[in-house]
Amino acid sequence: MKKDIHPKDYRKVIFFDTSSGEKFLISSTIKTTKTEKWTDGTEYPAIHVEISSASHPFYTGKENIVDTAGRVEKFKARQAKSKKS
């Protein structure tokens, strides 16, 4: 392997899926100021995400709507407008 090509801040990070409530401990270089305790009692940097493999319809096989900014309504309004034309 080549030396000195990997980031120096590569560490374990807790990703918390706010849609499903699932937590994942994954190695990452993402920047965050929050920390949380993992099940083993160790404190790790943490990041909150809206969608992960625990809540995405492709992985779950269920269709659920996560609407944080009215995007679904805007899309439906554009779709209805285009059908009228």
Protein backbone atom coordinates (compact mmCIF):
# COMPACT_ATOMS: atom_id res chain seq x y z
CA MET A 1 0.00 0.00 0.00
CA LYS A 2 1.05 3.58 -0.58
CA LYS A 3 2.14 5.47 2.49
CA ASP A 4 0.63 8.78 3.67
CA ILE A 5 -2.42 8.72 1.37
CA HIS A 6 -5.07 8.10 4.01
CA PRO A 7 -6.67 10.89 6.05
CA LYS A 8 -5.28 11.42 9.55
CA ASP A 9 -8.70 12.01 11.16
CA TYR A 10 -10.17 8.61 10.19
CA ARG A 11 -12.02 7.41 13.31
CA LYS A 12 -15.18 5.67 14.55
CA VAL A 13 -18.31 7.86 14.32
CA ILE A 14 -21.89 7.19 15.45
CA PHE A 15 -24.45 7.88 12.71
CA PHE A 16 -27.95 8.36 14.15
CA ASP A 17 -30.85 7.95 11.70
CA THR A 18 -33.53 10.37 12.92
CA SER A 19 -36.22 8.67 10.78
CA SER A 20 -35.87 5.17 12.19
CA GLY A 21 -33.99 5.74 15.45
CA GLU A 22 -31.22 3.33 14.42
CA LYS A 23 -27.58 3.99 15.30
CA PHE A 24 -24.52 2.80 13.38
CA LEU A 25 -20.89 2.87 14.47
CA ILE A 26 -18.85 3.35 11.31
CA SER A 27 -15.35 4.61 10.53
CA SER A 28 -15.47 8.03 8.90
CA THR A 29 -13.67 11.36 8.42
CA ILE A 30 -16.84 13.48 8.74
CA LYS A 31 -16.47 16.63 10.83
CA THR A 32 -18.76 16.93 13.87
CA THR A 33 -18.80 18.63 17.25
CA LYS A 34 -21.39 16.36 18.90
CA THR A 35 -20.52 13.23 20.85
CA GLU A 36 -22.63 10.34 22.14
CA LYS A 37 -22.01 7.17 24.13
CA TRP A 38 -22.11 3.86 22.30
CA THR A 39 -23.43 0.63 23.84
CA ASP A 40 -19.94 -0.27 25.12
CA GLY A 41 -19.82 2.96 27.17
CA THR A 42 -17.20 4.64 24.97
CA GLU A 43 -17.94 8.18 23.78
CA TYR A 44 -17.63 8.75 20.01
CA PRO A 45 -18.23 11.69 17.68
CA ALA A 46 -21.85 11.63 16.44
CA ILE A 47 -23.76 12.87 13.41
CA HIS A 48 -27.53 12.89 12.84
CA VAL A 49 -28.79 11.93 9.37
CA GLU A 50 -32.34 11.94 7.98
CA ILE A 51 -32.03 8.83 5.80
CA SER A 52 -29.83 5.74 6.06
CA SER A 53 -30.08 2.11 5.02
CA ALA A 54 -32.38 1.58 8.02
CA SER A 55 -35.01 3.99 6.66
CA HIS A 56 -34.45 4.18 2.88
CA PRO A 57 -37.22 2.44 0.88
CA PHE A 58 -34.72 0.68 -1.38
CA TYR A 59 -33.25 -1.22 1.59
CA THR A 60 -36.38 -1.59 3.71
CA GLY A 61 -38.82 -2.54 0.96
CA LYS A 62 -41.36 -0.13 2.48
CA GLU A 63 -42.35 3.21 1.05
CA ASN A 64 -42.35 6.00 3.60
CA ILE A 65 -42.36 9.71 3.05
CA VAL A 66 -39.79 11.83 4.84
CA ASP A 67 -40.77 15.43 4.25
CA THR A 68 -38.67 18.02 6.02
CA ALA A 69 -39.19 21.04 3.78
CA GLY A 70 -42.53 20.57 1.99
CA ARG A 71 -40.82 18.91 -0.97
CA VAL A 72 -43.53 16.31 -1.45
CA GLU A 73 -46.30 18.91 -1.65
CA LYS A 74 -44.29 21.01 -4.11
CA PHE A 75 -43.70 17.96 -6.29
CA LYS A 76 -47.37 16.94 -6.23
CA ALA A 77 -48.42 20.50 -7.11
CA ARG A 78 -46.04 20.59 -10.09
CA GLN A 79 -47.24 17.18 -11.20
CA ALA A 80 -50.91 18.20 -11.00
CA LYS A 81 -50.17 21.43 -12.88
CA SER A 82 -48.39 19.57 -15.68
CA LYS A 83 -51.31 17.13 -16.06
CA LYS A 84 -53.75 20.04 -16.52
CA SER A 85 -51.72 21.44 -19.42
